[in-house]
Structures are given as C-alpha cells and as structure tokens.
Amino acid sequence: MTPGILHIIRLGQSRDKYDRLIADYQLTYNVPSGNSFYRTVRGDEELERFLSHHAVVPTGEVEHVLADLRERGNATITDVEIPLKETAPLGMIQDASDY
C-alpha cells in the first residue's frame, strides 16, 4: 500500500454539555489513486485517538499537529497508511467526486 496524505482543518468550536468549548475538525485522507475520504471528529482527545491508533502517527508528530491546529487552524500529515478497507469502519466517507 502506498501512503496517503491526511489534511486536518479546524471547523470551529461548540459547547459540550458542561459548557466547555470543544473544537470540531474535518479530516480528509487523500490516497495516490486519487480517492479521497473524509470524516469529522469532535475535540482534541478524539482527534489524538484517531491519529495515534488509526492513522498510526508518532506521538511527537501528533503533538506538532495539535500545535499547528491551535496556531493556524490546519495541518497536513504525509506518509499516512490507512488501508482502504478500514476507511468505512473508521467512519470515513468517500468523496462523491471519486465515484
């Protein structure tokens, strides 16, 4: 499998049931075949879990990504390997323009 690129955009913030501000993110995974998959995640903890466990991004890089998101509102990670058969179980939706 050839690694893809994961783009993350901070969409904004909303309040949770405890009135805390929680960031919402959109993740877009682009693979060399030209297909794109996307999903949203809510909060830094959910984003960290996805990056660490599913995209298998090293801890140091996850920290760098979170810093970029706080500073600029977006981040890009190269060499991400998410098998295509795992995208749907991870809640990722194939971009309609790929059909």
C-alpha atoms as a PDB file:
ATOM      1  CA  MET A   1       0.000   0.000   0.000  1.00  0.00           C
ATOM      2  CA  THR A   2       1.253   3.474  -0.876  1.00  0.00           C
ATOM      3  CA  PRO A   3       0.964   6.076   1.898  1.00  0.00           C
ATOM      4  CA  GLY A   4      -1.511   8.925   1.575  1.00  0.00           C
ATOM      5  CA  ILE A   5      -1.841  12.449   2.912  1.00  0.00           C
ATOM      6  CA  LEU A   6      -4.096  13.471   5.795  1.00  0.00           C
ATOM      7  CA  HIS A   7      -5.317  17.082   5.849  1.00  0.00           C
ATOM      8  CA  ILE A   8      -6.936  18.374   9.038  1.00  0.00           C
ATOM      9  CA  ILE A   9      -8.954  21.590   9.252  1.00  0.00           C
ATOM     10  CA  ARG A  10     -10.340  23.113  12.421  1.00  0.00           C
ATOM     11  CA  LEU A  11     -14.007  23.819  11.664  1.00  0.00           C
ATOM     12  CA  GLY A  12     -14.826  25.823  14.760  1.00  0.00           C
ATOM     13  CA  GLN A  13     -15.941  25.278  18.324  1.00  0.00           C
ATOM     14  CA  SER A  14     -19.121  24.363  20.113  1.00  0.00           C
ATOM     15  CA  ARG A  15     -20.019  23.893  23.750  1.00  0.00           C
ATOM     16  CA  ASP A  16     -20.438  20.478  25.321  1.00  0.00           C
ATOM     17  CA  LYS A  17     -22.981  19.566  27.994  1.00  0.00           C
ATOM     18  CA  TYR A  18     -20.630  21.000  30.644  1.00  0.00           C
ATOM     19  CA  ASP A  19     -20.415  24.319  28.763  1.00  0.00           C
ATOM     20  CA  ARG A  20     -16.781  23.720  27.745  1.00  0.00           C
ATOM     21  CA  LEU A  21     -15.604  24.833  24.303  1.00  0.00           C
ATOM     22  CA  ILE A  22     -14.765  21.818  22.145  1.00  0.00           C
ATOM     23  CA  ALA A  23     -13.092  22.095  18.730  1.00  0.00           C
ATOM     24  CA  ASP A  24     -14.516  20.287  15.693  1.00  0.00           C
ATOM     25  CA  TYR A  25     -12.166  19.040  12.967  1.00  0.00           C
ATOM     26  CA  GLN A  26     -12.530  17.713   9.446  1.00  0.00           C
ATOM     27  CA  LEU A  27     -10.042  15.072   8.347  1.00  0.00           C
ATOM     28  CA  THR A  28      -9.521  14.418   4.648  1.00  0.00           C
ATOM     29  CA  TYR A  29      -7.426  11.423   3.608  1.00  0.00           C
ATOM     30  CA  ASN A  30      -6.095  11.514   0.036  1.00  0.00           C
ATOM     31  CA  VAL A  31      -4.540   8.395  -1.454  1.00  0.00           C
ATOM     32  CA  PRO A  32      -2.295   8.182  -4.546  1.00  0.00           C
ATOM     33  CA  SER A  33      -5.065   6.501  -6.582  1.00  0.00           C
ATOM     34  CA  GLY A  34      -6.901   9.839  -6.441  1.00  0.00           C
ATOM     35  CA  ASN A  35      -9.588   8.757  -3.977  1.00  0.00           C
ATOM     36  CA  SER A  36     -10.430  10.969  -1.003  1.00  0.00           C
ATOM     37  CA  PHE A  37     -12.127  10.075   2.252  1.00  0.00           C
ATOM     38  CA  TYR A  38     -13.332  12.426   4.964  1.00  0.00           C
ATOM     39  CA  ARG A  39     -14.856  12.484   8.430  1.00  0.00           C
ATOM     40  CA  THR A  40     -15.255  14.904  11.294  1.00  0.00           C
ATOM     41  CA  VAL A  41     -14.061  14.450  14.843  1.00  0.00           C
ATOM     42  CA  ARG A  42     -15.078  16.342  17.955  1.00  0.00           C
ATOM     43  CA  GLY A  43     -12.434  17.510  20.374  1.00  0.00           C
ATOM     44  CA  ASP A  44      -8.697  17.151  20.739  1.00  0.00           C
ATOM     45  CA  GLU A  45      -8.995  13.809  22.566  1.00  0.00           C
ATOM     46  CA  GLU A  46     -10.953  12.169  19.748  1.00  0.00           C
ATOM     47  CA  LEU A  47      -8.519  13.619  17.206  1.00  0.00           C
ATOM     48  CA  GLU A  48      -5.497  12.348  19.165  1.00  0.00           C
ATOM     49  CA  ARG A  49      -7.061   8.867  19.415  1.00  0.00           C
ATOM     50  CA  PHE A  50      -7.727   8.758  15.677  1.00  0.00           C
ATOM     51  CA  LEU A  51      -4.219   9.940  14.794  1.00  0.00           C
ATOM     52  CA  SER A  52      -2.430   7.673  17.267  1.00  0.00           C
ATOM     53  CA  HIS A  53      -4.436   4.476  16.843  1.00  0.00           C
ATOM     54  CA  HIS A  54      -5.896   4.527  13.336  1.00  0.00           C
ATOM     55  CA  ALA A  55      -3.552   6.696  11.285  1.00  0.00           C
ATOM     56  CA  VAL A  56      -0.594   5.487  13.399  1.00  0.00           C
ATOM     57  CA  VAL A  57       1.051   8.903  13.617  1.00  0.00           C
ATOM     58  CA  PRO A  58       4.012   9.006  16.046  1.00  0.00           C
ATOM     59  CA  THR A  59       3.341  10.782  19.372  1.00  0.00           C
ATOM     60  CA  GLY A  60       5.787  13.605  18.691  1.00  0.00           C
ATOM     61  CA  GLU A  61       4.150  14.337  15.361  1.00  0.00           C
ATOM     62  CA  VAL A  62       0.658  14.283  16.919  1.00  0.00           C
ATOM     63  CA  GLU A  63       1.784  16.987  19.350  1.00  0.00           C
ATOM     64  CA  HIS A  64       3.176  19.035  16.449  1.00  0.00           C
ATOM     65  CA  VAL A  65      -0.115  18.640  14.515  1.00  0.00           C
ATOM     66  CA  LEU A  66      -2.170  19.804  17.514  1.00  0.00           C
ATOM     67  CA  ALA A  67       0.110  22.850  17.889  1.00  0.00           C
ATOM     68  CA  ASP A  68      -0.340  23.682  14.174  1.00  0.00           C
ATOM     69  CA  LEU A  69      -4.114  23.374  14.526  1.00  0.00           C
ATOM     70  CA  ARG A  70      -4.162  25.734  17.506  1.00  0.00           C
ATOM     71  CA  GLU A  71      -1.881  28.229  15.754  1.00  0.00           C
ATOM     72  CA  ARG A  72      -3.055  28.108  12.122  1.00  0.00           C
ATOM     73  CA  GLY A  73      -6.274  26.094  12.098  1.00  0.00           C
ATOM     74  CA  ASN A  74      -4.961  23.423   9.724  1.00  0.00           C
ATOM     75  CA  ALA A  75      -2.305  20.738   9.461  1.00  0.00           C
ATOM     76  CA  THR A  76      -1.079  18.173   6.944  1.00  0.00           C
ATOM     77  CA  ILE A  77       0.479  14.800   7.674  1.00  0.00           C
ATOM     78  CA  THR A  78       2.285  12.885   4.937  1.00  0.00           C
ATOM     79  CA  ASP A  79       3.044   9.158   4.753  1.00  0.00           C
ATOM     80  CA  VAL A  80      -0.203   8.100   6.466  1.00  0.00           C
ATOM     81  CA  GLU A  81      -1.230   4.494   5.870  1.00  0.00           C
ATOM     82  CA  ILE A  82      -4.906   3.725   6.429  1.00  0.00           C
ATOM     83  CA  PRO A  83      -5.933   0.629   4.457  1.00  0.00           C
ATOM     84  CA  LEU A  84      -8.840   1.443   2.130  1.00  0.00           C
ATOM     85  CA  LYS A  85     -10.880  -1.430   3.576  1.00  0.00           C
ATOM     86  CA  GLU A  86     -10.637   0.260   7.003  1.00  0.00           C
ATOM     87  CA  THR A  87     -11.869   3.708   5.936  1.00  0.00           C
ATOM     88  CA  ALA A  88     -15.597   2.894   6.230  1.00  0.00           C
ATOM     89  CA  PRO A  89     -15.314   1.175   9.650  1.00  0.00           C
ATOM     90  CA  LEU A  90     -13.426   4.292  10.827  1.00  0.00           C
ATOM     91  CA  GLY A  91     -16.370   6.476   9.826  1.00  0.00           C
ATOM     92  CA  MET A  92     -14.658   7.881   6.749  1.00  0.00           C
ATOM     93  CA  ILE A  93     -16.843   8.638   3.743  1.00  0.00           C
ATOM     94  CA  GLN A  94     -15.536   8.508   0.198  1.00  0.00           C
ATOM     95  CA  ASP A  95     -15.802  11.867  -1.525  1.00  0.00           C
ATOM     96  CA  ALA A  96     -18.673  11.797  -4.043  1.00  0.00           C
ATOM     97  CA  SER A  97     -16.424  13.263  -6.751  1.00  0.00           C
ATOM     98  CA  ASP A  98     -14.490   9.958  -6.727  1.00  0.00           C
ATOM     99  CA  TYR A  99     -17.423   7.875  -7.982  1.00  0.00           C
END
